[in-house]
Amino acid sequence: MKNYFLIYIFILTALCSNAQLISTEPLEISAGPISFNSDVVKKNKVKSVVLDIVDKPDGKIIVDKDATQGYEFDQKGRVSRYYYTILNRSEATVVDVPALKRKGRIVRPATTRTIMKFINDTIFTNIFYDELDRIILKRSRSGDYYDAYYYEYNEKGRIKKEMHCKETNISENKNVFKMGVQKVLSSETFEYENLTPTQVRKKCFNDEGREYKKVIINYDGKGNKLSESFDFIVSWMHQENQYEYNLNDMLTRKVLRGNTNGEQKEESTYDYDLGGHLVTVKRFEGTNVINELGYLFDEFTKLVKSHVDRDYKNASIGIVKYAYTFY
């Protein structure tokens, strides 16, 4: 019986290891609003995924605002580009509805109804990597301008510089970027000191070279991030993030605390099935659940096919469907 139990644990661990498409690992730089497991993307030869999003307010019909979110992947499973829509404006059109007749009798008189048309803007972001698969540039296009973030790393792979720029593209082909004017909006540099084998102090400097924030980061023996404590030098602001994991090193709880707008606490919990796939995410403010996500999977590929986003604050449900293309 003991041997069977050990075999079961071994199989369960193998299934849970990097099994899920959506990654919950705390990242310093995320490629997009959703983080994907590049190993799963590569294994399944996923080329792109498009999320079609509709909203259903409680007690009302589904509202389709043509909201979408999309991700494109290279053959190494990395996000090369993502996009999302934001509502620009809506237009109402009144149309005539003819009378309904049955056997020569009018059973419903003629009337009118209003059709809403939603006009969206689409924000595109391209992601660039170095030879070690680290993000070195995120460039977003919005209208005629580009918002760009550049990253540099030290010899230990930690971020040593982040530069935020506003840029223009002088290429006649708008799908090809050729630098025009670049304006640096901000530049930050970072230094690190190992206090213990599992604790690091991070110093943050602004574009004038002045230290404005200190961060203490704690890890477990496996390298999982356990906590981050942020203190701002010239103000009373403080922030702390805490992380908890299961036996398979998958994030199960995240707690964010801060005092930037009074004492605030936000907690998220993560639940997985026996295969290590993310099933439910709950977000709390205090003891109240304000948001709950539930995921459904394809039985064969185990790729996410849809998720439901229950927004308790706004009394609505977001229904999101995933559509894939493959290499």
C-alpha atoms as a PDB file:
ATOM      1  CA  MET A   1       0.000   0.000   0.000  1.00  0.00           C
ATOM      2  CA  LYS A   2       2.846   2.376   0.825  1.00  0.00           C
ATOM      3  CA  ASN A   3       4.434   1.847  -2.614  1.00  0.00           C
ATOM      4  CA  TYR A   4       1.124   2.539  -4.363  1.00  0.00           C
ATOM      5  CA  PHE A   5       0.767   5.744  -2.374  1.00  0.00           C
ATOM      6  CA  LEU A   6       4.262   6.884  -3.375  1.00  0.00           C
ATOM      7  CA  ILE A   7       3.540   6.104  -7.032  1.00  0.00           C
ATOM      8  CA  TYR A   8       0.313   8.136  -6.810  1.00  0.00           C
ATOM      9  CA  ILE A   9       2.178  11.096  -5.319  1.00  0.00           C
ATOM     10  CA  PHE A  10       4.829  10.847  -8.054  1.00  0.00           C
ATOM     11  CA  ILE A  11       2.209  10.840 -10.829  1.00  0.00           C
ATOM     12  CA  LEU A  12       0.289  13.713  -9.233  1.00  0.00           C
ATOM     13  CA  THR A  13       3.467  15.785  -8.924  1.00  0.00           C
ATOM     14  CA  ALA A  14       4.367  15.104 -12.564  1.00  0.00           C
ATOM     15  CA  LEU A  15       0.895  16.169 -13.676  1.00  0.00           C
ATOM     16  CA  CYS A  16       0.996  19.365 -11.646  1.00  0.00           C
ATOM     17  CA  SER A  17       4.474  20.388 -12.810  1.00  0.00           C
ATOM     18  CA  ASN A  18       4.044  23.166 -15.410  1.00  0.00           C
ATOM     19  CA  ALA A  19       0.731  21.598 -16.462  1.00  0.00           C
ATOM     20  CA  GLN A  20      -1.463  24.663 -16.755  1.00  0.00           C
ATOM     21  CA  LEU A  21      -1.711  27.166 -19.586  1.00  0.00           C
ATOM     22  CA  ILE A  22      -2.188  30.222 -17.380  1.00  0.00           C
ATOM     23  CA  SER A  23       0.710  30.976 -15.062  1.00  0.00           C
ATOM     24  CA  THR A  24       0.145  32.352 -11.557  1.00  0.00           C
ATOM     25  CA  GLU A  25       3.845  32.797 -10.770  1.00  0.00           C
ATOM     26  CA  PRO A  26       4.585  36.272  -9.321  1.00  0.00           C
ATOM     27  CA  LEU A  27       6.568  38.056 -12.043  1.00  0.00           C
ATOM     28  CA  GLU A  28       8.490  41.300 -11.932  1.00  0.00           C
ATOM     29  CA  ILE A  29       7.799  41.903 -15.637  1.00  0.00           C
ATOM     30  CA  SER A  30       4.723  40.379 -17.236  1.00  0.00           C
ATOM     31  CA  ALA A  31       4.326  40.219 -21.011  1.00  0.00           C
ATOM     32  CA  GLY A  32       0.636  41.085 -20.781  1.00  0.00           C
ATOM     33  CA  PRO A  33      -2.477  41.198 -18.576  1.00  0.00           C
ATOM     34  CA  ILE A  34      -2.497  37.376 -18.564  1.00  0.00           C
ATOM     35  CA  SER A  35       0.689  35.371 -17.991  1.00  0.00           C
ATOM     36  CA  PHE A  36       1.007  32.148 -19.988  1.00  0.00           C
ATOM     37  CA  ASN A  37       3.126  29.069 -19.329  1.00  0.00           C
ATOM     38  CA  SER A  38       5.509  29.100 -22.312  1.00  0.00           C
ATOM     39  CA  ASP A  39       6.216  25.353 -21.975  1.00  0.00           C
ATOM     40  CA  VAL A  40       2.511  24.525 -22.366  1.00  0.00           C
ATOM     41  CA  VAL A  41       2.120  26.982 -25.251  1.00  0.00           C
ATOM     42  CA  LYS A  42       5.142  25.465 -27.026  1.00  0.00           C
ATOM     43  CA  LYS A  43       4.074  21.868 -26.358  1.00  0.00           C
ATOM     44  CA  ASN A  44       0.629  22.505 -27.840  1.00  0.00           C
ATOM     45  CA  LYS A  45       2.069  24.581 -30.735  1.00  0.00           C
ATOM     46  CA  VAL A  46      -0.254  27.468 -29.943  1.00  0.00           C
ATOM     47  CA  LYS A  47       0.203  30.344 -32.381  1.00  0.00           C
ATOM     48  CA  SER A  48      -2.423  32.713 -31.000  1.00  0.00           C
ATOM     49  CA  VAL A  49      -5.400  32.918 -28.681  1.00  0.00           C
ATOM     50  CA  VAL A  50      -8.245  35.423 -28.887  1.00  0.00           C
ATOM     51  CA  LEU A  51     -10.523  36.106 -25.915  1.00  0.00           C
ATOM     52  CA  ASP A  52     -14.062  37.160 -26.821  1.00  0.00           C
ATOM     53  CA  ILE A  53     -15.635  38.989 -23.875  1.00  0.00           C
ATOM     54  CA  VAL A  54     -19.311  39.693 -23.171  1.00  0.00           C
ATOM     55  CA  ASP A  55     -20.978  41.039 -20.055  1.00  0.00           C
ATOM     56  CA  LYS A  56     -24.232  39.985 -18.402  1.00  0.00           C
ATOM     57  CA  PRO A  57     -25.527  42.352 -15.715  1.00  0.00           C
ATOM     58  CA  ASP A  58     -27.682  40.613 -13.116  1.00  0.00           C
ATOM     59  CA  GLY A  59     -31.317  40.448 -14.232  1.00  0.00           C
ATOM     60  CA  LYS A  60     -30.549  41.767 -17.730  1.00  0.00           C
ATOM     61  CA  ILE A  61     -29.645  40.361 -21.148  1.00  0.00           C
ATOM     62  CA  ILE A  62     -26.063  39.811 -22.311  1.00  0.00           C
ATOM     63  CA  VAL A  63     -24.298  42.963 -23.513  1.00  0.00           C
ATOM     64  CA  ASP A  64     -21.805  42.403 -26.338  1.00  0.00           C
ATOM     65  CA  LYS A  65     -19.549  45.441 -26.717  1.00  0.00           C
ATOM     66  CA  ASP A  66     -17.193  43.668 -29.167  1.00  0.00           C
ATOM     67  CA  ALA A  67     -14.567  43.570 -26.439  1.00  0.00           C
ATOM     68  CA  THR A  68     -11.610  41.315 -27.233  1.00  0.00           C
ATOM     69  CA  GLN A  69      -8.145  40.512 -25.967  1.00  0.00           C
ATOM     70  CA  GLY A  70      -5.586  38.651 -28.061  1.00  0.00           C
ATOM     71  CA  TYR A  71      -2.143  37.096 -27.690  1.00  0.00           C
ATOM     72  CA  GLU A  72       0.335  35.970 -30.340  1.00  0.00           C
ATOM     73  CA  PHE A  73       3.168  33.548 -29.526  1.00  0.00           C
ATOM     74  CA  ASP A  74       6.491  32.735 -31.170  1.00  0.00           C
ATOM     75  CA  GLN A  75       7.604  29.135 -31.617  1.00  0.00           C
ATOM     76  CA  LYS A  76       9.367  29.201 -28.235  1.00  0.00           C
ATOM     77  CA  GLY A  77       5.984  29.774 -26.562  1.00  0.00           C
ATOM     78  CA  ARG A  78       6.691  33.406 -25.645  1.00  0.00           C
ATOM     79  CA  VAL A  79       4.154  36.210 -26.094  1.00  0.00           C
ATOM     80  CA  SER A  80       5.346  38.273 -29.060  1.00  0.00           C
ATOM     81  CA  ARG A  81       2.351  40.612 -29.221  1.00  0.00           C
ATOM     82  CA  TYR A  82      -0.869  41.201 -27.365  1.00  0.00           C
ATOM     83  CA  TYR A  83      -3.781  43.567 -27.856  1.00  0.00           C
ATOM     84  CA  TYR A  84      -6.965  44.612 -26.106  1.00  0.00           C
ATOM     85  CA  THR A  85      -9.924  46.851 -26.894  1.00  0.00           C
ATOM     86  CA  ILE A  86     -11.149  49.851 -24.934  1.00  0.00           C
ATOM     87  CA  LEU A  87     -14.556  51.426 -25.468  1.00  0.00           C
ATOM     88  CA  ASN A  88     -14.277  54.718 -27.338  1.00  0.00           C
ATOM     89  CA  ARG A  89     -17.942  55.603 -27.676  1.00  0.00           C
ATOM     90  CA  SER A  90     -21.367  54.108 -28.267  1.00  0.00           C
ATOM     91  CA  GLU A  91     -23.996  55.069 -30.808  1.00  0.00           C
ATOM     92  CA  ALA A  92     -27.736  54.464 -30.544  1.00  0.00           C
ATOM     93  CA  THR A  93     -29.828  53.817 -33.645  1.00  0.00           C
ATOM     94  CA  VAL A  94     -33.637  53.660 -33.588  1.00  0.00           C
ATOM     95  CA  VAL A  95     -35.136  51.153 -36.046  1.00  0.00           C
ATOM     96  CA  ASP A  96     -38.744  50.415 -36.967  1.00  0.00           C
ATOM     97  CA  VAL A  97     -40.285  47.116 -35.930  1.00  0.00           C
ATOM     98  CA  PRO A  98     -43.275  46.254 -38.173  1.00  0.00           C
ATOM     99  CA  ALA A  99     -46.567  45.087 -36.769  1.00  0.00           C
ATOM    100  CA  LEU A 100     -47.057  41.358 -36.291  1.00  0.00           C
ATOM    101  CA  LYS A 101     -50.134  39.911 -38.024  1.00  0.00           C
ATOM    102  CA  ARG A 102     -51.764  36.529 -37.657  1.00  0.00           C
ATOM    103  CA  LYS A 103     -54.695  35.477 -39.839  1.00  0.00           C
ATOM    104  CA  GLY A 104     -55.165  39.061 -40.922  1.00  0.00           C
ATOM    105  CA  ARG A 105     -55.298  40.423 -37.391  1.00  0.00           C
ATOM    106  CA  ILE A 106     -52.679  42.640 -35.790  1.00  0.00           C
ATOM    107  CA  VAL A 107     -51.487  40.855 -32.649  1.00  0.00           C
ATOM    108  CA  ARG A 108     -48.635  43.238 -31.990  1.00  0.00           C
ATOM    109  CA  PRO A 109     -48.653  46.867 -33.187  1.00  0.00           C
ATOM    110  CA  ALA A 110     -45.737  48.462 -34.985  1.00  0.00           C
ATOM    111  CA  THR A 111     -43.109  49.913 -32.713  1.00  0.00           C
ATOM    112  CA  THR A 112     -39.458  50.907 -32.619  1.00  0.00           C
ATOM    113  CA  ARG A 113     -36.389  49.580 -30.854  1.00  0.00           C
ATOM    114  CA  THR A 114     -32.964  50.943 -30.120  1.00  0.00           C
ATOM    115  CA  ILE A 115     -29.812  49.202 -31.341  1.00  0.00           C
ATOM    116  CA  MET A 116     -26.565  50.106 -29.641  1.00  0.00           C
ATOM    117  CA  LYS A 117     -23.335  50.113 -31.619  1.00  0.00           C
ATOM    118  CA  PHE A 118     -20.049  50.106 -29.705  1.00  0.00           C
ATOM    119  CA  ILE A 119     -16.929  51.663 -31.232  1.00  0.00           C
ATOM    120  CA  ASN A 120     -13.661  50.435 -29.716  1.00  0.00           C
ATOM    121  CA  ASP A 121     -10.038  51.466 -29.915  1.00  0.00           C
ATOM    122  CA  THR A 122      -7.452  48.689 -30.022  1.00  0.00           C
ATOM    123  CA  ILE A 123      -4.168  48.931 -28.120  1.00  0.00           C
ATOM    124  CA  PHE A 124      -1.318  46.784 -29.512  1.00  0.00           C
ATOM    125  CA  THR A 125       1.840  45.870 -27.594  1.00  0.00           C
ATOM    126  CA  ASN A 126       4.897  44.154 -29.068  1.00  0.00           C
ATOM    127  CA  ILE A 127       7.262  42.230 -26.798  1.00  0.00           C
ATOM    128  CA  PHE A 128      10.987  41.736 -27.478  1.00  0.00           C
ATOM    129  CA  TYR A 129      13.384  39.341 -25.718  1.00  0.00           C
ATOM    130  CA  ASP A 130      17.118  38.797 -25.340  1.00  0.00           C
ATOM    131  CA  GLU A 131      18.926  35.498 -25.928  1.00  0.00           C
ATOM    132  CA  LEU A 132      18.057  34.393 -22.378  1.00  0.00           C
ATOM    133  CA  ASP A 133      14.292  34.852 -22.986  1.00  0.00           C
ATOM    134  CA  ARG A 134      14.144  37.942 -20.777  1.00  0.00           C
ATOM    135  CA  ILE A 135      11.883  40.838 -21.774  1.00  0.00           C
ATOM    136  CA  ILE A 136      13.989  43.789 -22.922  1.00  0.00           C
ATOM    137  CA  LEU A 137      11.288  45.941 -24.554  1.00  0.00           C
ATOM    138  CA  LYS A 138       7.515  46.384 -24.420  1.00  0.00           C
ATOM    139  CA  ARG A 139       6.195  48.872 -26.996  1.00  0.00           C
ATOM    140  CA  SER A 140       2.494  49.788 -27.102  1.00  0.00           C
ATOM    141  CA  ARG A 141       0.777  51.670 -29.907  1.00  0.00           C
ATOM    142  CA  SER A 142      -2.079  54.024 -29.163  1.00  0.00           C
ATOM    143  CA  GLY A 143      -2.957  56.400 -31.979  1.00  0.00           C
ATOM    144  CA  ASP A 144       0.075  58.186 -33.409  1.00  0.00           C
ATOM    145  CA  TYR A 145       2.340  57.575 -30.424  1.00  0.00           C
ATOM    146  CA  TYR A 146       4.085  54.607 -28.827  1.00  0.00           C
ATOM    147  CA  ASP A 147       4.575  53.945 -25.141  1.00  0.00           C
ATOM    148  CA  ALA A 148       7.801  51.974 -24.628  1.00  0.00           C
ATOM    149  CA  TYR A 149       9.482  50.333 -21.628  1.00  0.00           C
ATOM    150  CA  TYR A 150      13.116  49.210 -21.899  1.00  0.00           C
ATOM    151  CA  TYR A 151      14.733  46.769 -19.442  1.00  0.00           C
ATOM    152  CA  GLU A 152      18.349  45.928 -18.659  1.00  0.00           C
ATOM    153  CA  TYR A 153      19.616  43.140 -16.389  1.00  0.00           C
ATOM    154  CA  ASN A 154      22.639  42.578 -14.171  1.00  0.00           C
ATOM    155  CA  GLU A 155      24.894  39.517 -14.189  1.00  0.00           C
ATOM    156  CA  LYS A 156      22.517  37.645 -11.863  1.00  0.00           C
ATOM    157  CA  GLY A 157      19.511  38.222 -14.102  1.00  0.00           C
ATOM    158  CA  ARG A 158      17.879  40.863 -11.937  1.00  0.00           C
ATOM    159  CA  ILE A 159      16.519  44.085 -13.434  1.00  0.00           C
ATOM    160  CA  LYS A 160      19.082  46.860 -13.121  1.00  0.00           C
ATOM    161  CA  LYS A 161      17.385  49.549 -15.245  1.00  0.00           C
ATOM    162  CA  GLU A 162      13.903  50.415 -16.481  1.00  0.00           C
ATOM    163  CA  MET A 163      13.340  53.285 -18.913  1.00  0.00           C
ATOM    164  CA  HIS A 164       9.927  54.607 -19.946  1.00  0.00           C
ATOM    165  CA  CYS A 165       9.759  56.496 -23.258  1.00  0.00           C
ATOM    166  CA  LYS A 166       7.278  58.136 -25.600  1.00  0.00           C
ATOM    167  CA  GLU A 167       8.140  57.445 -29.247  1.00  0.00           C
ATOM    168  CA  THR A 168       7.012  58.143 -32.800  1.00  0.00           C
ATOM    169  CA  ASN A 169       7.209  55.886 -35.844  1.00  0.00           C
ATOM    170  CA  ILE A 170       8.468  57.402 -39.116  1.00  0.00           C
ATOM    171  CA  SER A 171       8.063  54.224 -41.165  1.00  0.00           C
ATOM    172  CA  GLU A 172       5.581  54.472 -44.048  1.00  0.00           C
ATOM    173  CA  ASN A 173       4.550  50.916 -43.219  1.00  0.00           C
ATOM    174  CA  LYS A 174       2.829  51.249 -39.840  1.00  0.00           C
ATOM    175  CA  ASN A 175       3.338  47.524 -39.187  1.00  0.00           C
ATOM    176  CA  VAL A 176       7.102  48.158 -39.173  1.00  0.00           C
ATOM    177  CA  PHE A 177       8.599  50.360 -36.480  1.00  0.00           C
ATOM    178  CA  LYS A 178      11.309  52.883 -37.357  1.00  0.00           C
ATOM    179  CA  MET A 179      12.291  55.220 -34.560  1.00  0.00           C
ATOM    180  CA  GLY A 180      11.386  58.866 -35.054  1.00  0.00           C
ATOM    181  CA  VAL A 181      11.380  61.065 -31.953  1.00  0.00           C
ATOM    182  CA  GLN A 182      12.043  59.483 -28.581  1.00  0.00           C
ATOM    183  CA  LYS A 183      11.373  61.290 -25.314  1.00  0.00           C
ATOM    184  CA  VAL A 184      12.454  59.723 -22.030  1.00  0.00           C
ATOM    185  CA  LEU A 185       9.638  60.103 -19.508  1.00  0.00           C
ATOM    186  CA  SER A 186      11.379  58.348 -16.628  1.00  0.00           C
ATOM    187  CA  SER A 187      14.424  56.225 -15.889  1.00  0.00           C
ATOM    188  CA  GLU A 188      14.958  54.035 -12.833  1.00  0.00           C
ATOM    189  CA  THR A 189      17.965  51.980 -11.757  1.00  0.00           C
ATOM    190  CA  PHE A 190      18.181  49.240  -9.156  1.00  0.00           C
ATOM    191  CA  GLU A 191      20.868  47.805  -6.900  1.00  0.00           C
ATOM    192  CA  TYR A 192      20.723  44.567  -4.899  1.00  0.00           C
ATOM    193  CA  GLU A 193      22.334  43.275  -1.730  1.00  0.00           C
ATOM    194  CA  ASN A 194      22.064  39.687  -0.499  1.00  0.00           C
ATOM    195  CA  LEU A 195      21.317  39.916   3.221  1.00  0.00           C
ATOM    196  CA  THR A 196      20.958  36.135   3.654  1.00  0.00           C
ATOM    197  CA  PRO A 197      20.760  33.225   1.179  1.00  0.00           C
ATOM    198  CA  THR A 198      16.982  33.792   1.001  1.00  0.00           C
ATOM    199  CA  GLN A 199      16.674  37.551   1.595  1.00  0.00           C
ATOM    200  CA  VAL A 200      17.559  40.404  -0.765  1.00  0.00           C
ATOM    201  CA  ARG A 201      17.518  44.161  -0.291  1.00  0.00           C
ATOM    202  CA  LYS A 202      16.659  46.138  -3.420  1.00  0.00           C
ATOM    203  CA  LYS A 203      17.419  49.870  -3.713  1.00  0.00           C
ATOM    204  CA  CYS A 204      15.460  51.939  -6.250  1.00  0.00           C
ATOM    205  CA  PHE A 205      16.889  55.155  -7.725  1.00  0.00           C
ATOM    206  CA  ASN A 206      15.056  57.779  -9.794  1.00  0.00           C
ATOM    207  CA  ASP A 207      16.358  59.494 -12.924  1.00  0.00           C
ATOM    208  CA  GLU A 208      18.310  61.938 -10.750  1.00  0.00           C
ATOM    209  CA  GLY A 209      20.152  59.067  -9.094  1.00  0.00           C
ATOM    210  CA  ARG A 210      18.379  59.570  -5.763  1.00  0.00           C
ATOM    211  CA  GLU A 211      17.174  56.586  -3.802  1.00  0.00           C
ATOM    212  CA  TYR A 212      13.413  56.843  -3.344  1.00  0.00           C
ATOM    213  CA  LYS A 213      12.372  53.323  -2.330  1.00  0.00           C
ATOM    214  CA  LYS A 214      13.753  50.277  -0.503  1.00  0.00           C
ATOM    215  CA  VAL A 215      12.455  46.758  -0.979  1.00  0.00           C
ATOM    216  CA  ILE A 216      13.110  43.658   1.125  1.00  0.00           C
ATOM    217  CA  ILE A 217      12.392  40.417  -0.768  1.00  0.00           C
ATOM    218  CA  ASN A 218      12.206  37.009   0.890  1.00  0.00           C
ATOM    219  CA  TYR A 219      12.362  33.619  -0.862  1.00  0.00           C
ATOM    220  CA  ASP A 220      12.009  30.025   0.227  1.00  0.00           C
ATOM    221  CA  GLY A 221      14.699  27.412  -0.357  1.00  0.00           C
ATOM    222  CA  LYS A 222      13.270  26.615  -3.812  1.00  0.00           C
ATOM    223  CA  GLY A 223      13.447  30.208  -5.004  1.00  0.00           C
ATOM    224  CA  ASN A 224       9.717  30.947  -4.691  1.00  0.00           C
ATOM    225  CA  LYS A 225       9.040  34.552  -3.738  1.00  0.00           C
ATOM    226  CA  LEU A 226       7.439  34.659  -0.260  1.00  0.00           C
ATOM    227  CA  SER A 227       7.146  38.372   0.425  1.00  0.00           C
ATOM    228  CA  GLU A 228       8.057  41.879  -0.709  1.00  0.00           C
ATOM    229  CA  SER A 229       8.139  44.876   1.631  1.00  0.00           C
ATOM    230  CA  PHE A 230       8.280  48.361   0.033  1.00  0.00           C
ATOM    231  CA  ASP A 231       9.195  51.514   1.951  1.00  0.00           C
ATOM    232  CA  PHE A 232       9.363  54.953   0.311  1.00  0.00           C
ATOM    233  CA  ILE A 233      12.227  57.116   1.549  1.00  0.00           C
ATOM    234  CA  VAL A 234      10.627  60.574   1.674  1.00  0.00           C
ATOM    235  CA  SER A 235       7.062  59.644   2.571  1.00  0.00           C
ATOM    236  CA  TRP A 236       5.065  57.483   4.950  1.00  0.00           C
ATOM    237  CA  MET A 237       3.933  55.114   2.207  1.00  0.00           C
ATOM    238  CA  HIS A 238       4.448  51.408   2.740  1.00  0.00           C
ATOM    239  CA  GLN A 239       3.384  48.350   0.783  1.00  0.00           C
ATOM    240  CA  GLU A 240       3.755  44.635   1.470  1.00  0.00           C
ATOM    241  CA  ASN A 241       3.030  41.603  -0.709  1.00  0.00           C
ATOM    242  CA  GLN A 242       2.873  38.045   0.631  1.00  0.00           C
ATOM    243  CA  TYR A 243       2.707  34.783  -1.336  1.00  0.00           C
ATOM    244  CA  GLU A 244       1.873  31.180  -0.371  1.00  0.00           C
ATOM    245  CA  TYR A 245       2.333  27.972  -2.408  1.00  0.00           C
ATOM    246  CA  ASN A 246       1.205  24.347  -2.412  1.00  0.00           C
ATOM    247  CA  LEU A 247       3.512  21.306  -2.394  1.00  0.00           C
ATOM    248  CA  ASN A 248       3.922  21.653  -6.167  1.00  0.00           C
ATOM    249  CA  ASP A 249       5.164  25.258  -5.873  1.00  0.00           C
ATOM    250  CA  MET A 250       1.958  26.673  -7.338  1.00  0.00           C
ATOM    251  CA  LEU A 251       0.653  29.955  -5.946  1.00  0.00           C
ATOM    252  CA  THR A 252      -2.349  29.436  -3.636  1.00  0.00           C
ATOM    253  CA  ARG A 253      -2.658  32.795  -1.862  1.00  0.00           C
ATOM    254  CA  LYS A 254      -1.556  36.364  -2.474  1.00  0.00           C
ATOM    255  CA  VAL A 255      -2.065  39.223  -0.008  1.00  0.00           C
ATOM    256  CA  LEU A 256      -1.374  42.864  -0.881  1.00  0.00           C
ATOM    257  CA  ARG A 257      -1.320  45.512   1.859  1.00  0.00           C
ATOM    258  CA  GLY A 258      -0.661  49.241   1.596  1.00  0.00           C
ATOM    259  CA  ASN A 259      -1.421  52.650   3.057  1.00  0.00           C
ATOM    260  CA  THR A 260      -1.345  54.873  -0.037  1.00  0.00           C
ATOM    261  CA  ASN A 261      -5.067  55.568   0.385  1.00  0.00           C
ATOM    262  CA  GLY A 262      -5.684  54.593   3.976  1.00  0.00           C
ATOM    263  CA  GLU A 263      -5.008  51.092   5.210  1.00  0.00           C
ATOM    264  CA  GLN A 264      -5.840  48.696   2.390  1.00  0.00           C
ATOM    265  CA  LYS A 265      -5.767  44.925   2.091  1.00  0.00           C
ATOM    266  CA  GLU A 266      -6.495  42.850  -1.002  1.00  0.00           C
ATOM    267  CA  GLU A 267      -6.317  39.054  -0.974  1.00  0.00           C
ATOM    268  CA  SER A 268      -6.510  36.498  -3.790  1.00  0.00           C
ATOM    269  CA  THR A 269      -6.776  32.707  -3.508  1.00  0.00           C
ATOM    270  CA  TYR A 270      -6.007  30.154  -6.248  1.00  0.00           C
ATOM    271  CA  ASP A 271      -7.443  26.635  -6.511  1.00  0.00           C
ATOM    272  CA  TYR A 272      -6.261  23.856  -8.858  1.00  0.00           C
ATOM    273  CA  ASP A 273      -7.560  20.462  -9.940  1.00  0.00           C
ATOM    274  CA  LEU A 274      -5.554  17.233  -9.528  1.00  0.00           C
ATOM    275  CA  GLY A 275      -3.853  17.888 -12.867  1.00  0.00           C
ATOM    276  CA  GLY A 276      -2.505  21.219 -11.684  1.00  0.00           C
ATOM    277  CA  HIS A 277      -4.880  23.313 -13.813  1.00  0.00           C
ATOM    278  CA  LEU A 278      -6.130  26.605 -12.430  1.00  0.00           C
ATOM    279  CA  VAL A 279      -9.842  26.176 -11.609  1.00  0.00           C
ATOM    280  CA  THR A 280     -10.858  29.140  -9.460  1.00  0.00           C
ATOM    281  CA  VAL A 281      -9.469  32.528  -8.457  1.00  0.00           C
ATOM    282  CA  LYS A 282     -11.190  34.536  -5.724  1.00  0.00           C
ATOM    283  CA  ARG A 283     -10.376  38.127  -4.839  1.00  0.00           C
ATOM    284  CA  PHE A 284     -11.276  39.619  -1.458  1.00  0.00           C
ATOM    285  CA  GLU A 285     -11.440  43.067   0.063  1.00  0.00           C
ATOM    286  CA  GLY A 286     -11.362  42.440   3.775  1.00  0.00           C
ATOM    287  CA  THR A 287     -13.530  39.359   4.283  1.00  0.00           C
ATOM    288  CA  ASN A 288     -15.808  40.076   1.304  1.00  0.00           C
ATOM    289  CA  VAL A 289     -15.422  38.240  -2.009  1.00  0.00           C
ATOM    290  CA  ILE A 290     -15.548  40.942  -4.673  1.00  0.00           C
ATOM    291  CA  ASN A 291     -14.535  38.901  -7.704  1.00  0.00           C
ATOM    292  CA  GLU A 292     -14.467  35.209  -8.652  1.00  0.00           C
ATOM    293  CA  LEU A 293     -13.084  33.583 -11.798  1.00  0.00           C
ATOM    294  CA  GLY A 294     -13.916  30.019 -12.820  1.00  0.00           C
ATOM    295  CA  TYR A 295     -12.082  28.222 -15.658  1.00  0.00           C
ATOM    296  CA  LEU A 296     -13.261  25.451 -18.005  1.00  0.00           C
ATOM    297  CA  PHE A 297     -10.879  23.267 -20.034  1.00  0.00           C
ATOM    298  CA  ASP A 298     -10.827  21.234 -23.209  1.00  0.00           C
ATOM    299  CA  GLU A 299     -10.964  17.585 -22.112  1.00  0.00           C
ATOM    300  CA  PHE A 300      -8.266  16.492 -24.555  1.00  0.00           C
ATOM    301  CA  THR A 301      -5.735  19.360 -24.729  1.00  0.00           C
ATOM    302  CA  LYS A 302      -6.481  20.779 -21.248  1.00  0.00           C
ATOM    303  CA  LEU A 303      -6.231  24.250 -22.769  1.00  0.00           C
ATOM    304  CA  VAL A 304      -8.601  26.831 -21.301  1.00  0.00           C
ATOM    305  CA  LYS A 305     -11.740  27.083 -23.450  1.00  0.00           C
ATOM    306  CA  SER A 306     -13.616  29.665 -21.373  1.00  0.00           C
ATOM    307  CA  HIS A 307     -13.801  31.401 -18.055  1.00  0.00           C
ATOM    308  CA  VAL A 308     -16.547  33.151 -16.128  1.00  0.00           C
ATOM    309  CA  ASP A 309     -15.750  36.319 -14.195  1.00  0.00           C
ATOM    310  CA  ARG A 310     -18.256  36.996 -11.408  1.00  0.00           C
ATOM    311  CA  ASP A 311     -18.089  40.655 -10.368  1.00  0.00           C
ATOM    312  CA  TYR A 312     -19.958  40.973  -7.064  1.00  0.00           C
ATOM    313  CA  LYS A 313     -19.291  44.696  -6.732  1.00  0.00           C
ATOM    314  CA  ASN A 314     -20.939  45.592 -10.034  1.00  0.00           C
ATOM    315  CA  ALA A 315     -23.471  42.724  -9.968  1.00  0.00           C
ATOM    316  CA  SER A 316     -22.465  41.278 -13.329  1.00  0.00           C
ATOM    317  CA  ILE A 317     -20.867  38.247 -14.952  1.00  0.00           C
ATOM    318  CA  GLY A 318     -18.192  38.425 -17.631  1.00  0.00           C
ATOM    319  CA  ILE A 319     -18.246  35.467 -20.037  1.00  0.00           C
ATOM    320  CA  VAL A 320     -14.950  34.924 -21.862  1.00  0.00           C
ATOM    321  CA  LYS A 321     -14.394  32.395 -24.673  1.00  0.00           C
ATOM    322  CA  TYR A 322     -10.945  31.379 -25.948  1.00  0.00           C
ATOM    323  CA  ALA A 323     -10.262  30.726 -29.656  1.00  0.00           C
ATOM    324  CA  TYR A 324      -6.889  29.237 -30.692  1.00  0.00           C
ATOM    325  CA  THR A 325      -4.789  28.971 -33.828  1.00  0.00           C
ATOM    326  CA  PHE A 326      -1.853  26.560 -34.062  1.00  0.00           C
ATOM    327  CA  TYR A 327       1.463  26.227 -35.861  1.00  0.00           C
END
